[in-house]
Amino acid sequence: MNKYELAVVVNAKIEDDARAAVIEKVVSYITRFGGQVSDVDEWGKRRLAYEIQKMREGYYYFIHFEADATAPAEIESRLRIMDNVLRFLCVRQEA
């Protein structure tokens, strides 16, 4: 099991409950592919470095989890097609 950090930028124009549902769905994908979520860190609304889909702000979330080496590719393929996810990045943390 490797340790990973998943950074997710969510659309700032949606309601709080819809944003929470997006993060819940991401966490459910992690658990579906054999991962164990240890921490979900919400950084709140931040200004983006550049405009994405005509938006200048987004909500930042950092999710720490442990999973097998095949899980991040599966999770990223699901995140790529989610509507309210503007950007994401999954990196493996050093032990």
N, C-alpha and C. Protein backbone atom coordinates (compact mmCIF):
# COMPACT_ATOMS: atom_id res chain seq x y z
N MET A 1 0.84 -1.19 0.00
CA MET A 1 0.00 0.00 0.00
C MET A 1 0.89 1.25 0.00
N ASN A 2 0.61 2.14 -0.94
CA ASN A 2 1.34 3.40 -1.06
C ASN A 2 0.49 4.53 -0.49
N LYS A 3 1.15 5.59 -0.05
CA LYS A 3 0.44 6.77 0.44
C LYS A 3 0.34 7.78 -0.70
N TYR A 4 -0.84 8.38 -0.85
CA TYR A 4 -1.09 9.34 -1.92
C TYR A 4 -1.73 10.60 -1.36
N GLU A 5 -1.56 11.68 -2.10
CA GLU A 5 -2.27 12.92 -1.82
C GLU A 5 -2.98 13.34 -3.10
N LEU A 6 -4.28 13.55 -2.99
CA LEU A 6 -5.09 13.95 -4.14
C LEU A 6 -5.56 15.38 -3.93
N ALA A 7 -5.15 16.27 -4.81
CA ALA A 7 -5.60 17.66 -4.77
C ALA A 7 -6.74 17.81 -5.77
N VAL A 8 -7.86 18.39 -5.31
CA VAL A 8 -9.04 18.56 -6.15
C VAL A 8 -9.49 20.01 -6.08
N VAL A 9 -9.70 20.62 -7.24
CA VAL A 9 -10.25 21.98 -7.30
C VAL A 9 -11.68 21.86 -7.82
N VAL A 10 -12.62 22.32 -6.99
CA VAL A 10 -14.04 22.18 -7.28
C VAL A 10 -14.61 23.55 -7.67
N ASN A 11 -15.58 23.52 -8.56
CA ASN A 11 -16.28 24.72 -9.03
C ASN A 11 -16.78 25.55 -7.84
N ALA A 12 -16.45 26.84 -7.81
CA ALA A 12 -16.85 27.71 -6.70
C ALA A 12 -18.27 28.23 -6.84
N LYS A 13 -18.90 28.07 -7.99
CA LYS A 13 -20.23 28.62 -8.23
C LYS A 13 -21.36 27.70 -7.79
N ILE A 14 -21.06 26.49 -7.32
CA ILE A 14 -22.11 25.57 -6.89
C ILE A 14 -22.37 25.74 -5.39
N GLU A 15 -23.50 25.23 -4.94
CA GLU A 15 -23.89 25.34 -3.54
C GLU A 15 -23.00 24.48 -2.64
N ASP A 16 -23.03 24.77 -1.33
CA ASP A 16 -22.20 24.05 -0.37
C ASP A 16 -22.51 22.56 -0.32
N ASP A 17 -23.81 22.21 -0.36
CA ASP A 17 -24.17 20.79 -0.30
C ASP A 17 -23.77 20.06 -1.57
N ALA A 18 -23.83 20.72 -2.70
CA ALA A 18 -23.40 20.09 -3.96
C ALA A 18 -21.88 19.88 -3.95
N ARG A 19 -21.17 20.84 -3.39
CA ARG A 19 -19.70 20.72 -3.28
C ARG A 19 -19.33 19.58 -2.34
N ALA A 20 -20.05 19.45 -1.24
CA ALA A 20 -19.82 18.35 -0.31
C ALA A 20 -20.12 17.00 -0.97
N ALA A 21 -21.15 16.96 -1.82
CA ALA A 21 -21.49 15.73 -2.53
C ALA A 21 -20.39 15.33 -3.51
N VAL A 22 -19.75 16.32 -4.14
CA VAL A 22 -18.64 16.04 -5.06
C VAL A 22 -17.50 15.38 -4.30
N ILE A 23 -17.14 15.93 -3.15
CA ILE A 23 -16.04 15.38 -2.36
C ILE A 23 -16.40 14.00 -1.81
N GLU A 24 -17.67 13.82 -1.40
CA GLU A 24 -18.13 12.50 -0.94
C GLU A 24 -17.98 11.47 -2.05
N LYS A 25 -18.31 11.86 -3.27
CA LYS A 25 -18.20 10.96 -4.40
C LYS A 25 -16.74 10.58 -4.67
N VAL A 26 -15.83 11.56 -4.54
CA VAL A 26 -14.40 11.29 -4.72
C VAL A 26 -13.92 10.31 -3.67
N VAL A 27 -14.33 10.51 -2.41
CA VAL A 27 -13.95 9.61 -1.32
C VAL A 27 -14.53 8.21 -1.56
N SER A 28 -15.74 8.13 -2.09
CA SER A 28 -16.33 6.82 -2.38
C SER A 28 -15.58 6.10 -3.49
N TYR A 29 -15.06 6.85 -4.48
CA TYR A 29 -14.23 6.24 -5.52
C TYR A 29 -12.96 5.66 -4.92
N ILE A 30 -12.35 6.39 -3.99
CA ILE A 30 -11.12 5.91 -3.35
C ILE A 30 -11.39 4.61 -2.60
N THR A 31 -12.46 4.56 -1.84
CA THR A 31 -12.76 3.35 -1.08
C THR A 31 -13.20 2.21 -1.99
N ARG A 32 -13.86 2.52 -3.10
CA ARG A 32 -14.28 1.49 -4.05
C ARG A 32 -13.09 0.75 -4.64
N PHE A 33 -11.98 1.47 -4.87
CA PHE A 33 -10.81 0.86 -5.47
C PHE A 33 -9.79 0.43 -4.44
N GLY A 34 -10.24 0.16 -3.22
CA GLY A 34 -9.39 -0.45 -2.20
C GLY A 34 -8.56 0.51 -1.39
N GLY A 35 -8.86 1.79 -1.45
CA GLY A 35 -8.09 2.77 -0.69
C GLY A 35 -8.71 3.06 0.65
N GLN A 36 -7.89 3.60 1.56
CA GLN A 36 -8.36 4.00 2.88
C GLN A 36 -8.03 5.48 3.06
N VAL A 37 -9.06 6.30 3.20
CA VAL A 37 -8.88 7.74 3.35
C VAL A 37 -8.48 8.03 4.79
N SER A 38 -7.39 8.77 4.96
CA SER A 38 -6.95 9.12 6.31
C SER A 38 -7.31 10.57 6.68
N ASP A 39 -7.42 11.45 5.67
CA ASP A 39 -7.65 12.86 5.98
C ASP A 39 -8.22 13.58 4.76
N VAL A 40 -9.20 14.45 4.99
CA VAL A 40 -9.72 15.34 3.95
C VAL A 40 -9.53 16.76 4.46
N ASP A 41 -8.67 17.50 3.79
CA ASP A 41 -8.31 18.85 4.22
C ASP A 41 -8.93 19.86 3.26
N GLU A 42 -9.82 20.72 3.79
CA GLU A 42 -10.47 21.73 2.96
C GLU A 42 -9.74 23.05 3.14
N TRP A 43 -9.24 23.61 2.04
CA TRP A 43 -8.54 24.89 2.08
C TRP A 43 -9.47 26.05 1.79
N GLY A 44 -10.65 25.77 1.30
CA GLY A 44 -11.62 26.83 1.04
C GLY A 44 -11.45 27.45 -0.34
N LYS A 45 -12.12 28.60 -0.51
CA LYS A 45 -12.12 29.27 -1.82
C LYS A 45 -10.81 30.03 -2.01
N ARG A 46 -10.17 29.76 -3.14
CA ARG A 46 -8.92 30.44 -3.49
C ARG A 46 -9.00 30.94 -4.92
N ARG A 47 -8.23 31.97 -5.19
CA ARG A 47 -8.13 32.50 -6.54
C ARG A 47 -7.24 31.57 -7.36
N LEU A 48 -7.68 31.25 -8.57
CA LEU A 48 -6.91 30.39 -9.46
C LEU A 48 -5.78 31.18 -10.11
N ALA A 49 -4.72 30.49 -10.48
CA ALA A 49 -3.59 31.15 -11.13
C ALA A 49 -3.97 31.66 -12.51
N TYR A 50 -4.89 30.97 -13.16
CA TYR A 50 -5.38 31.37 -14.47
C TYR A 50 -6.83 30.94 -14.60
N GLU A 51 -7.52 31.52 -15.54
CA GLU A 51 -8.94 31.25 -15.73
C GLU A 51 -9.16 29.84 -16.26
N ILE A 52 -10.07 29.09 -15.63
CA ILE A 52 -10.44 27.75 -16.07
C ILE A 52 -11.95 27.74 -16.29
N GLN A 53 -12.38 27.42 -17.49
CA GLN A 53 -13.80 27.38 -17.84
C GLN A 53 -14.51 28.68 -17.43
N LYS A 54 -13.88 29.82 -17.71
CA LYS A 54 -14.39 31.16 -17.42
C LYS A 54 -14.61 31.40 -15.93
N MET A 55 -13.84 30.70 -15.07
CA MET A 55 -13.92 30.89 -13.62
C MET A 55 -12.56 31.33 -13.10
N ARG A 56 -12.59 32.22 -12.13
CA ARG A 56 -11.35 32.73 -11.54
C ARG A 56 -11.10 32.20 -10.14
N GLU A 57 -12.10 31.51 -9.54
CA GLU A 57 -11.96 30.97 -8.19
C GLU A 57 -12.41 29.52 -8.14
N GLY A 58 -11.88 28.80 -7.16
CA GLY A 58 -12.27 27.41 -6.96
C GLY A 58 -12.05 27.01 -5.51
N TYR A 59 -12.73 25.96 -5.09
CA TYR A 59 -12.55 25.42 -3.74
C TYR A 59 -11.51 24.31 -3.81
N TYR A 60 -10.52 24.40 -2.93
CA TYR A 60 -9.42 23.45 -2.91
C TYR A 60 -9.62 22.43 -1.81
N TYR A 61 -9.41 21.16 -2.15
CA TYR A 61 -9.47 20.05 -1.20
C TYR A 61 -8.23 19.18 -1.39
N PHE A 62 -7.67 18.71 -0.28
CA PHE A 62 -6.55 17.78 -0.31
C PHE A 62 -6.95 16.52 0.44
N ILE A 63 -6.93 15.39 -0.24
CA ILE A 63 -7.37 14.12 0.33
C ILE A 63 -6.15 13.21 0.43
N HIS A 64 -5.85 12.76 1.64
CA HIS A 64 -4.73 11.84 1.88
C HIS A 64 -5.30 10.44 2.02
N PHE A 65 -4.70 9.49 1.30
CA PHE A 65 -5.20 8.11 1.37
C PHE A 65 -4.08 7.12 1.08
N GLU A 66 -4.34 5.86 1.45
CA GLU A 66 -3.45 4.75 1.14
C GLU A 66 -4.18 3.82 0.19
N ALA A 67 -3.45 3.34 -0.83
CA ALA A 67 -4.07 2.44 -1.81
C ALA A 67 -2.98 1.70 -2.57
N ASP A 68 -3.41 0.70 -3.34
CA ASP A 68 -2.49 -0.02 -4.21
C ASP A 68 -2.08 0.88 -5.36
N ALA A 69 -1.06 0.47 -6.10
CA ALA A 69 -0.51 1.28 -7.18
C ALA A 69 -1.49 1.46 -8.35
N THR A 70 -2.47 0.58 -8.49
CA THR A 70 -3.41 0.69 -9.61
C THR A 70 -4.57 1.64 -9.33
N ALA A 71 -4.80 1.96 -8.07
CA ALA A 71 -5.97 2.77 -7.68
C ALA A 71 -5.93 4.20 -8.23
N PRO A 72 -4.82 4.93 -8.19
CA PRO A 72 -4.85 6.31 -8.68
C PRO A 72 -5.29 6.45 -10.13
N ALA A 73 -4.88 5.54 -10.99
CA ALA A 73 -5.29 5.62 -12.40
C ALA A 73 -6.81 5.45 -12.54
N GLU A 74 -7.37 4.53 -11.76
CA GLU A 74 -8.82 4.31 -11.80
C GLU A 74 -9.58 5.54 -11.27
N ILE A 75 -9.08 6.11 -10.17
CA ILE A 75 -9.71 7.28 -9.57
C ILE A 75 -9.64 8.46 -10.53
N GLU A 76 -8.47 8.68 -11.13
CA GLU A 76 -8.30 9.81 -12.06
C GLU A 76 -9.20 9.68 -13.28
N SER A 77 -9.41 8.45 -13.76
CA SER A 77 -10.28 8.29 -14.92
C SER A 77 -11.72 8.67 -14.59
N ARG A 78 -12.15 8.45 -13.34
CA ARG A 78 -13.49 8.85 -12.91
C ARG A 78 -13.56 10.37 -12.69
N LEU A 79 -12.50 10.95 -12.09
CA LEU A 79 -12.49 12.40 -11.84
C LEU A 79 -12.50 13.20 -13.13
N ARG A 80 -11.86 12.66 -14.16
CA ARG A 80 -11.75 13.36 -15.44
C ARG A 80 -13.12 13.69 -16.03
N ILE A 81 -14.13 12.88 -15.75
CA ILE A 81 -15.45 13.09 -16.35
C ILE A 81 -16.47 13.71 -15.39
N MET A 82 -16.04 14.05 -14.17
CA MET A 82 -16.96 14.69 -13.22
C MET A 82 -17.17 16.15 -13.62
N ASP A 83 -18.41 16.62 -13.54
CA ASP A 83 -18.78 17.95 -14.01
C ASP A 83 -18.14 19.08 -13.22
N ASN A 84 -18.23 19.04 -11.91
CA ASN A 84 -17.83 20.19 -11.10
C ASN A 84 -16.38 20.15 -10.63
N VAL A 85 -15.60 19.19 -11.11
CA VAL A 85 -14.17 19.14 -10.79
C VAL A 85 -13.43 19.89 -11.88
N LEU A 86 -12.78 21.00 -11.50
CA LEU A 86 -12.05 21.80 -12.48
C LEU A 86 -10.68 21.20 -12.77
N ARG A 87 -9.95 20.86 -11.72
CA ARG A 87 -8.62 20.27 -11.85
C ARG A 87 -8.39 19.27 -10.73
N PHE A 88 -7.47 18.33 -10.95
CA PHE A 88 -7.08 17.38 -9.91
C PHE A 88 -5.65 16.94 -10.17
N LEU A 89 -5.00 16.49 -9.11
CA LEU A 89 -3.65 15.98 -9.22
C LEU A 89 -3.43 14.98 -8.09
N CYS A 90 -3.00 13.78 -8.46
CA CYS A 90 -2.73 12.75 -7.48
C CYS A 90 -1.23 12.47 -7.49
N VAL A 91 -0.59 12.60 -6.32
CA VAL A 91 0.84 12.34 -6.23
C VAL A 91 1.10 11.33 -5.12
N ARG A 92 2.13 10.51 -5.33
CA ARG A 92 2.54 9.53 -4.33
C ARG A 92 3.47 10.20 -3.34
N GLN A 93 3.19 9.99 -2.06
CA GLN A 93 4.03 10.58 -1.02
C GLN A 93 5.16 9.62 -0.68
N GLU A 94 6.31 10.17 -0.36
CA GLU A 94 7.45 9.34 0.04
C GLU A 94 7.23 8.81 1.44
N ALA A 95 7.67 7.60 1.66
CA ALA A 95 7.47 6.95 2.97
C ALA A 95 8.41 7.47 4.02
